[in-house]
């Protein structure tokens, strides 16, 4: 690298001693091809910055090994988070976040806690997985699913935080034995209303999510020669 021009060393310290003659002398000094253009200085600055970070990687990053901790997987309480994207286009719905969790995967203490969380969730609890939740319909439903959505905040992370905190509060209140809800039945009116609105057959004769299948056919009514086939189903 070429040496800097005369008078530019210790610029901050010598600035007080500069006078008019110094400026005239500096401007009248001919260019002796001992410096580079502005683009060259920018390139050199980029190289300096790159070398600075390379030195950090070489000398400082190995020190982070002292803070290494073994990975401990979280408990089996998986949440399914659903988001909406319109291919990069701006839309109010892109900030919405939906959280779905199976009741069996939540850290509930006993059967009373499971019953309490169904009641506390209200219409957010359904015995079957929501169709748009990303949950396989082949999974065992058991105690149902809880779905919480939020689109009140401008940022997606804020909506997700609110939905996650609401799920945590539900679990906390469900595990509280002071809330005695044993005598309160689970409200299924929202389930029946949705089935009636869909009009797919489940609304008839109050057989919501209980439509008979071939598995419900009495085995003793099947002829012996065909009983083996049905046992394999």
C-alpha atoms as a PDB file:
ATOM      1  CA  UNK A   1       0.000   0.000   0.000  1.00  0.00           C
ATOM      2  CA  UNK A   2       1.332   3.451  -0.934  1.00  0.00           C
ATOM      3  CA  UNK A   3       2.274   5.929   1.813  1.00  0.00           C
ATOM      4  CA  UNK A   4      -0.283   8.680   2.551  1.00  0.00           C
ATOM      5  CA  UNK A   5       0.246  12.206   1.296  1.00  0.00           C
ATOM      6  CA  UNK A   6       2.303  14.756   3.200  1.00  0.00           C
ATOM      7  CA  UNK A   7       0.324  16.446   5.957  1.00  0.00           C
ATOM      8  CA  UNK A   8      -2.374  13.772   6.205  1.00  0.00           C
ATOM      9  CA  UNK A   9      -0.706  11.788   8.990  1.00  0.00           C
ATOM     10  CA  UNK A  10      -2.193  12.414  12.408  1.00  0.00           C
ATOM     11  CA  UNK A  11      -4.939  14.462  10.814  1.00  0.00           C
ATOM     12  CA  UNK A  12      -6.923  15.028  13.986  1.00  0.00           C
ATOM     13  CA  UNK A  13      -3.859  16.091  16.010  1.00  0.00           C
ATOM     14  CA  UNK A  14      -2.422  18.488  13.415  1.00  0.00           C
ATOM     15  CA  UNK A  15      -5.701  20.078  12.353  1.00  0.00           C
ATOM     16  CA  UNK A  16      -5.338  22.918  14.850  1.00  0.00           C
ATOM     17  CA  UNK A  17      -1.994  24.006  13.327  1.00  0.00           C
ATOM     18  CA  UNK A  18      -3.283  24.258   9.779  1.00  0.00           C
ATOM     19  CA  UNK A  19      -3.352  27.693   8.209  1.00  0.00           C
ATOM     20  CA  UNK A  20      -4.048  29.183   4.812  1.00  0.00           C
ATOM     21  CA  UNK A  21      -0.520  28.538   3.556  1.00  0.00           C
ATOM     22  CA  UNK A  22      -0.834  24.870   4.420  1.00  0.00           C
ATOM     23  CA  UNK A  23      -4.004  24.508   2.355  1.00  0.00           C
ATOM     24  CA  UNK A  24      -2.479  26.305  -0.578  1.00  0.00           C
ATOM     25  CA  UNK A  25       0.617  24.139  -0.387  1.00  0.00           C
ATOM     26  CA  UNK A  26      -1.477  20.981  -0.195  1.00  0.00           C
ATOM     27  CA  UNK A  27      -3.594  21.976  -3.177  1.00  0.00           C
ATOM     28  CA  UNK A  28      -0.584  22.951  -5.243  1.00  0.00           C
ATOM     29  CA  UNK A  29       1.281  19.684  -4.560  1.00  0.00           C
ATOM     30  CA  UNK A  30       1.399  17.736  -7.834  1.00  0.00           C
ATOM     31  CA  UNK A  31       0.011  14.203  -7.992  1.00  0.00           C
ATOM     32  CA  UNK A  32       2.981  11.842  -7.955  1.00  0.00           C
ATOM     33  CA  UNK A  33       1.044   8.650  -8.535  1.00  0.00           C
ATOM     34  CA  UNK A  34       1.609   7.667  -4.894  1.00  0.00           C
ATOM     35  CA  UNK A  35      -2.085   7.187  -3.975  1.00  0.00           C
ATOM     36  CA  UNK A  36      -5.169   5.470  -5.302  1.00  0.00           C
ATOM     37  CA  UNK A  37      -8.555   6.778  -6.341  1.00  0.00           C
ATOM     38  CA  UNK A  38     -11.689   6.826  -4.140  1.00  0.00           C
ATOM     39  CA  UNK A  39     -12.861   3.451  -5.490  1.00  0.00           C
ATOM     40  CA  UNK A  40      -9.528   1.966  -4.461  1.00  0.00           C
ATOM     41  CA  UNK A  41      -9.938   3.222  -0.918  1.00  0.00           C
ATOM     42  CA  UNK A  42     -13.446   1.723  -0.774  1.00  0.00           C
ATOM     43  CA  UNK A  43     -12.076  -1.627  -1.942  1.00  0.00           C
ATOM     44  CA  UNK A  44      -9.312  -1.493   0.677  1.00  0.00           C
ATOM     45  CA  UNK A  45     -11.869  -0.672   3.376  1.00  0.00           C
ATOM     46  CA  UNK A  46     -13.902  -3.718   2.362  1.00  0.00           C
ATOM     47  CA  UNK A  47     -10.788  -5.871   2.605  1.00  0.00           C
ATOM     48  CA  UNK A  48     -10.050  -4.492   6.077  1.00  0.00           C
ATOM     49  CA  UNK A  49     -13.590  -5.259   7.208  1.00  0.00           C
ATOM     50  CA  UNK A  50     -13.359  -8.801   5.806  1.00  0.00           C
ATOM     51  CA  UNK A  51     -10.048  -9.399   7.562  1.00  0.00           C
ATOM     52  CA  UNK A  52     -11.521  -8.075  10.809  1.00  0.00           C
ATOM     53  CA  UNK A  53     -14.306 -10.657  10.792  1.00  0.00           C
ATOM     54  CA  UNK A  54     -11.932 -13.410   9.702  1.00  0.00           C
ATOM     55  CA  UNK A  55      -9.784 -12.636  12.747  1.00  0.00           C
ATOM     56  CA  UNK A  56     -12.882 -12.858  14.952  1.00  0.00           C
ATOM     57  CA  UNK A  57     -13.696 -16.274  13.480  1.00  0.00           C
ATOM     58  CA  UNK A  58     -10.118 -17.452  13.905  1.00  0.00           C
ATOM     59  CA  UNK A  59      -9.443 -16.224  17.446  1.00  0.00           C
ATOM     60  CA  UNK A  60     -12.759 -15.458  19.185  1.00  0.00           C
ATOM     61  CA  UNK A  61     -15.210 -18.095  17.936  1.00  0.00           C
ATOM     62  CA  UNK A  62     -13.328 -21.045  19.520  1.00  0.00           C
ATOM     63  CA  UNK A  63     -13.887 -19.404  22.923  1.00  0.00           C
ATOM     64  CA  UNK A  64     -17.639 -20.007  22.580  1.00  0.00           C
ATOM     65  CA  UNK A  65     -17.042 -23.726  23.157  1.00  0.00           C
ATOM     66  CA  UNK A  66     -16.991 -22.974  26.890  1.00  0.00           C
ATOM     67  CA  UNK A  67     -20.679 -22.015  26.700  1.00  0.00           C
ATOM     68  CA  UNK A  68     -21.752 -25.168  24.848  1.00  0.00           C
ATOM     69  CA  UNK A  69     -24.689 -27.035  26.401  1.00  0.00           C
ATOM     70  CA  UNK A  70     -26.170 -30.397  25.502  1.00  0.00           C
ATOM     71  CA  UNK A  71     -29.487 -30.284  23.673  1.00  0.00           C
ATOM     72  CA  UNK A  72     -32.409 -31.363  25.805  1.00  0.00           C
ATOM     73  CA  UNK A  73     -35.526 -32.005  23.695  1.00  0.00           C
ATOM     74  CA  UNK A  74     -38.700 -30.352  24.971  1.00  0.00           C
ATOM     75  CA  UNK A  75     -41.504 -32.474  26.412  1.00  0.00           C
ATOM     76  CA  UNK A  76     -43.973 -34.094  24.065  1.00  0.00           C
ATOM     77  CA  UNK A  77     -46.224 -31.062  23.674  1.00  0.00           C
ATOM     78  CA  UNK A  78     -45.957 -30.329  19.986  1.00  0.00           C
ATOM     79  CA  UNK A  79     -47.811 -27.365  18.513  1.00  0.00           C
ATOM     80  CA  UNK A  80     -48.826 -27.092  14.885  1.00  0.00           C
ATOM     81  CA  UNK A  81     -48.450 -23.488  13.686  1.00  0.00           C
ATOM     82  CA  UNK A  82     -50.243 -22.466  10.506  1.00  0.00           C
ATOM     83  CA  UNK A  83     -49.569 -19.299   8.539  1.00  0.00           C
ATOM     84  CA  UNK A  84     -50.875 -17.760   5.306  1.00  0.00           C
ATOM     85  CA  UNK A  85     -48.726 -16.468   2.478  1.00  0.00           C
ATOM     86  CA  UNK A  86     -49.823 -14.794  -0.736  1.00  0.00           C
ATOM     87  CA  UNK A  87     -46.606 -15.257  -2.655  1.00  0.00           C
ATOM     88  CA  UNK A  88     -44.873 -12.240  -1.159  1.00  0.00           C
ATOM     89  CA  UNK A  89     -47.782  -9.865  -1.754  1.00  0.00           C
ATOM     90  CA  UNK A  90     -49.005  -7.720   1.102  1.00  0.00           C
ATOM     91  CA  UNK A  91     -52.275  -8.860   2.645  1.00  0.00           C
ATOM     92  CA  UNK A  92     -53.847  -8.348   6.087  1.00  0.00           C
ATOM     93  CA  UNK A  93     -54.191 -12.109   6.576  1.00  0.00           C
ATOM     94  CA  UNK A  94     -50.445 -12.751   6.373  1.00  0.00           C
ATOM     95  CA  UNK A  95     -50.053 -11.603   9.973  1.00  0.00           C
ATOM     96  CA  UNK A  96     -52.512 -14.216  11.252  1.00  0.00           C
ATOM     97  CA  UNK A  97     -51.169 -17.243  13.131  1.00  0.00           C
ATOM     98  CA  UNK A  98     -53.064 -20.384  14.133  1.00  0.00           C
ATOM     99  CA  UNK A  99     -51.877 -22.807  16.798  1.00  0.00           C
ATOM    100  CA  UNK A 100     -53.292 -26.345  17.029  1.00  0.00           C
ATOM    101  CA  UNK A 101     -52.384 -28.913  19.687  1.00  0.00           C
ATOM    102  CA  UNK A 102     -53.660 -32.353  20.571  1.00  0.00           C
ATOM    103  CA  UNK A 103     -54.989 -32.526  24.119  1.00  0.00           C
ATOM    104  CA  UNK A 104     -53.115 -35.802  24.670  1.00  0.00           C
ATOM    105  CA  UNK A 105     -49.778 -34.127  23.874  1.00  0.00           C
ATOM    106  CA  UNK A 106     -50.252 -31.308  26.412  1.00  0.00           C
ATOM    107  CA  UNK A 107     -48.625 -31.598  29.879  1.00  0.00           C
ATOM    108  CA  UNK A 108     -51.871 -32.259  31.772  1.00  0.00           C
ATOM    109  CA  UNK A 109     -51.683 -33.996  35.143  1.00  0.00           C
ATOM    110  CA  UNK A 110     -54.734 -36.272  35.185  1.00  0.00           C
ATOM    111  CA  UNK A 111     -58.141 -36.977  33.688  1.00  0.00           C
ATOM    112  CA  UNK A 112     -59.716 -34.109  35.638  1.00  0.00           C
ATOM    113  CA  UNK A 113     -57.258 -31.682  34.022  1.00  0.00           C
ATOM    114  CA  UNK A 114     -58.188 -33.037  30.596  1.00  0.00           C
ATOM    115  CA  UNK A 115     -61.871 -32.485  31.362  1.00  0.00           C
ATOM    116  CA  UNK A 116     -61.186 -28.970  32.642  1.00  0.00           C
ATOM    117  CA  UNK A 117     -59.225 -27.902  29.573  1.00  0.00           C
ATOM    118  CA  UNK A 118     -62.070 -29.050  27.310  1.00  0.00           C
ATOM    119  CA  UNK A 119     -64.499 -26.869  29.229  1.00  0.00           C
ATOM    120  CA  UNK A 120     -62.153 -23.890  29.489  1.00  0.00           C
ATOM    121  CA  UNK A 121     -61.354 -24.015  25.775  1.00  0.00           C
ATOM    122  CA  UNK A 122     -65.030 -23.708  24.831  1.00  0.00           C
ATOM    123  CA  UNK A 123     -65.570 -23.691  21.041  1.00  0.00           C
ATOM    124  CA  UNK A 124     -61.799 -23.798  20.497  1.00  0.00           C
ATOM    125  CA  UNK A 125     -61.890 -27.500  21.416  1.00  0.00           C
ATOM    126  CA  UNK A 126     -63.196 -30.069  18.938  1.00  0.00           C
ATOM    127  CA  UNK A 127     -63.202 -33.860  19.197  1.00  0.00           C
ATOM    128  CA  UNK A 128     -61.723 -34.160  15.708  1.00  0.00           C
ATOM    129  CA  UNK A 129     -58.652 -32.402  14.244  1.00  0.00           C
ATOM    130  CA  UNK A 130     -59.490 -29.225  12.315  1.00  0.00           C
ATOM    131  CA  UNK A 131     -59.481 -29.696   8.567  1.00  0.00           C
ATOM    132  CA  UNK A 132     -57.000 -26.846   7.989  1.00  0.00           C
ATOM    133  CA  UNK A 133     -54.687 -27.595  10.921  1.00  0.00           C
ATOM    134  CA  UNK A 134     -52.136 -29.738   9.112  1.00  0.00           C
ATOM    135  CA  UNK A 135     -52.962 -32.754  11.321  1.00  0.00           C
ATOM    136  CA  UNK A 136     -53.376 -36.133   9.690  1.00  0.00           C
ATOM    137  CA  UNK A 137     -56.922 -37.416   9.776  1.00  0.00           C
ATOM    138  CA  UNK A 138     -55.483 -40.899  10.311  1.00  0.00           C
ATOM    139  CA  UNK A 139     -54.212 -40.025  13.793  1.00  0.00           C
ATOM    140  CA  UNK A 140     -56.166 -41.194  16.814  1.00  0.00           C
ATOM    141  CA  UNK A 141     -58.436 -38.409  17.997  1.00  0.00           C
ATOM    142  CA  UNK A 142     -58.756 -39.568  21.613  1.00  0.00           C
ATOM    143  CA  UNK A 143     -59.359 -36.358  23.626  1.00  0.00           C
ATOM    144  CA  UNK A 144     -59.579 -34.001  20.666  1.00  0.00           C
ATOM    145  CA  UNK A 145     -57.704 -30.896  19.586  1.00  0.00           C
ATOM    146  CA  UNK A 146     -57.491 -27.257  20.638  1.00  0.00           C
ATOM    147  CA  UNK A 147     -57.228 -24.530  17.998  1.00  0.00           C
ATOM    148  CA  UNK A 148     -56.291 -20.929  18.876  1.00  0.00           C
ATOM    149  CA  UNK A 149     -55.901 -18.193  16.269  1.00  0.00           C
ATOM    150  CA  UNK A 150     -54.951 -14.527  16.499  1.00  0.00           C
ATOM    151  CA  UNK A 151     -54.771 -11.672  13.997  1.00  0.00           C
ATOM    152  CA  UNK A 152     -55.164  -8.653  16.295  1.00  0.00           C
ATOM    153  CA  UNK A 153     -51.531  -7.514  16.132  1.00  0.00           C
ATOM    154  CA  UNK A 154     -49.627  -6.083  13.145  1.00  0.00           C
ATOM    155  CA  UNK A 155     -46.687  -8.512  13.338  1.00  0.00           C
ATOM    156  CA  UNK A 156     -46.957 -12.312  12.871  1.00  0.00           C
ATOM    157  CA  UNK A 157     -44.604 -12.982  15.798  1.00  0.00           C
ATOM    158  CA  UNK A 158     -46.860 -10.987  18.113  1.00  0.00           C
ATOM    159  CA  UNK A 159     -49.920 -13.003  17.083  1.00  0.00           C
ATOM    160  CA  UNK A 160     -48.033 -16.265  17.540  1.00  0.00           C
ATOM    161  CA  UNK A 161     -46.818 -15.149  20.968  1.00  0.00           C
ATOM    162  CA  UNK A 162     -50.363 -14.333  22.073  1.00  0.00           C
ATOM    163  CA  UNK A 163     -51.707 -17.699  20.875  1.00  0.00           C
ATOM    164  CA  UNK A 164     -48.854 -19.581  22.565  1.00  0.00           C
ATOM    165  CA  UNK A 165     -49.314 -17.664  25.828  1.00  0.00           C
ATOM    166  CA  UNK A 166     -53.058 -18.378  25.736  1.00  0.00           C
ATOM    167  CA  UNK A 167     -52.323 -22.090  25.373  1.00  0.00           C
ATOM    168  CA  UNK A 168     -49.969 -21.904  28.350  1.00  0.00           C
ATOM    169  CA  UNK A 169     -52.635 -20.189  30.455  1.00  0.00           C
ATOM    170  CA  UNK A 170     -55.172 -22.868  29.523  1.00  0.00           C
ATOM    171  CA  UNK A 171     -52.768 -25.586  30.645  1.00  0.00           C
ATOM    172  CA  UNK A 172     -52.024 -23.736  33.888  1.00  0.00           C
ATOM    173  CA  UNK A 173     -55.706 -23.334  34.805  1.00  0.00           C
ATOM    174  CA  UNK A 174     -56.522 -26.906  33.756  1.00  0.00           C
ATOM    175  CA  UNK A 175     -53.855 -28.288  36.093  1.00  0.00           C
ATOM    176  CA  UNK A 176     -55.177 -26.180  38.972  1.00  0.00           C
ATOM    177  CA  UNK A 177     -57.163 -28.542  41.269  1.00  0.00           C
ATOM    178  CA  UNK A 178     -58.997 -25.596  42.842  1.00  0.00           C
ATOM    179  CA  UNK A 179     -61.143 -25.303  39.707  1.00  0.00           C
ATOM    180  CA  UNK A 180     -63.781 -27.965  40.359  1.00  0.00           C
ATOM    181  CA  UNK A 181     -65.529 -28.589  37.029  1.00  0.00           C
ATOM    182  CA  UNK A 182     -66.333 -32.289  37.347  1.00  0.00           C
ATOM    183  CA  UNK A 183     -70.086 -31.702  37.231  1.00  0.00           C
ATOM    184  CA  UNK A 184     -69.921 -29.426  34.185  1.00  0.00           C
ATOM    185  CA  UNK A 185     -70.505 -31.333  30.932  1.00  0.00           C
ATOM    186  CA  UNK A 186     -68.492 -30.657  27.813  1.00  0.00           C
ATOM    187  CA  UNK A 187     -70.381 -28.286  25.527  1.00  0.00           C
ATOM    188  CA  UNK A 188     -70.703 -29.688  22.006  1.00  0.00           C
ATOM    189  CA  UNK A 189     -73.151 -27.193  20.569  1.00  0.00           C
ATOM    190  CA  UNK A 190     -70.525 -25.700  18.276  1.00  0.00           C
ATOM    191  CA  UNK A 191     -69.721 -29.172  16.932  1.00  0.00           C
ATOM    192  CA  UNK A 192     -73.366 -29.929  16.112  1.00  0.00           C
ATOM    193  CA  UNK A 193     -73.865 -26.477  14.604  1.00  0.00           C
ATOM    194  CA  UNK A 194     -70.901 -26.953  12.290  1.00  0.00           C
ATOM    195  CA  UNK A 195     -72.155 -30.395  11.239  1.00  0.00           C
ATOM    196  CA  UNK A 196     -75.630 -29.036  10.489  1.00  0.00           C
ATOM    197  CA  UNK A 197     -74.162 -26.218   8.436  1.00  0.00           C
ATOM    198  CA  UNK A 198     -71.960 -28.583   6.410  1.00  0.00           C
ATOM    199  CA  UNK A 199     -74.906 -30.927   5.593  1.00  0.00           C
ATOM    200  CA  UNK A 200     -72.687 -33.896   4.819  1.00  0.00           C
ATOM    201  CA  UNK A 201     -74.819 -36.494   6.574  1.00  0.00           C
ATOM    202  CA  UNK A 202     -73.435 -36.168  10.068  1.00  0.00           C
ATOM    203  CA  UNK A 203     -76.209 -33.761  11.050  1.00  0.00           C
ATOM    204  CA  UNK A 204     -78.855 -36.443  10.583  1.00  0.00           C
ATOM    205  CA  UNK A 205     -80.096 -38.303  13.674  1.00  0.00           C
ATOM    206  CA  UNK A 206     -77.480 -36.649  15.916  1.00  0.00           C
ATOM    207  CA  UNK A 207     -74.647 -38.878  14.727  1.00  0.00           C
ATOM    208  CA  UNK A 208     -71.982 -36.201  14.690  1.00  0.00           C
ATOM    209  CA  UNK A 209     -68.613 -37.879  14.262  1.00  0.00           C
ATOM    210  CA  UNK A 210     -70.320 -41.178  14.953  1.00  0.00           C
ATOM    211  CA  UNK A 211     -71.330 -42.292  11.479  1.00  0.00           C
ATOM    212  CA  UNK A 212     -71.370 -46.109  11.416  1.00  0.00           C
ATOM    213  CA  UNK A 213     -68.749 -47.890   9.348  1.00  0.00           C
ATOM    214  CA  UNK A 214     -68.116 -51.475   8.340  1.00  0.00           C
ATOM    215  CA  UNK A 215     -66.198 -51.918  11.580  1.00  0.00           C
ATOM    216  CA  UNK A 216     -69.463 -51.432  13.508  1.00  0.00           C
ATOM    217  CA  UNK A 217     -71.268 -54.260  11.664  1.00  0.00           C
ATOM    218  CA  UNK A 218     -72.001 -57.180  14.035  1.00  0.00           C
ATOM    219  CA  UNK A 219     -69.500 -59.958  13.419  1.00  0.00           C
ATOM    220  CA  UNK A 220     -71.997 -62.670  14.322  1.00  0.00           C
ATOM    221  CA  UNK A 221     -74.194 -61.651  11.391  1.00  0.00           C
ATOM    222  CA  UNK A 222     -71.440 -62.296   8.879  1.00  0.00           C
ATOM    223  CA  UNK A 223     -71.370 -65.761   7.267  1.00  0.00           C
ATOM    224  CA  UNK A 224     -68.519 -67.944   8.423  1.00  0.00           C
ATOM    225  CA  UNK A 225     -66.969 -68.152   4.969  1.00  0.00           C
ATOM    226  CA  UNK A 226     -66.657 -64.355   4.814  1.00  0.00           C
ATOM    227  CA  UNK A 227     -65.873 -63.707   8.463  1.00  0.00           C
ATOM    228  CA  UNK A 228     -62.166 -64.198   7.903  1.00  0.00           C
ATOM    229  CA  UNK A 229     -62.160 -61.393   5.320  1.00  0.00           C
ATOM    230  CA  UNK A 230     -63.747 -58.935   7.731  1.00  0.00           C
ATOM    231  CA  UNK A 231     -61.383 -59.912  10.516  1.00  0.00           C
ATOM    232  CA  UNK A 232     -58.468 -58.840   8.341  1.00  0.00           C
ATOM    233  CA  UNK A 233     -59.878 -55.312   7.942  1.00  0.00           C
END
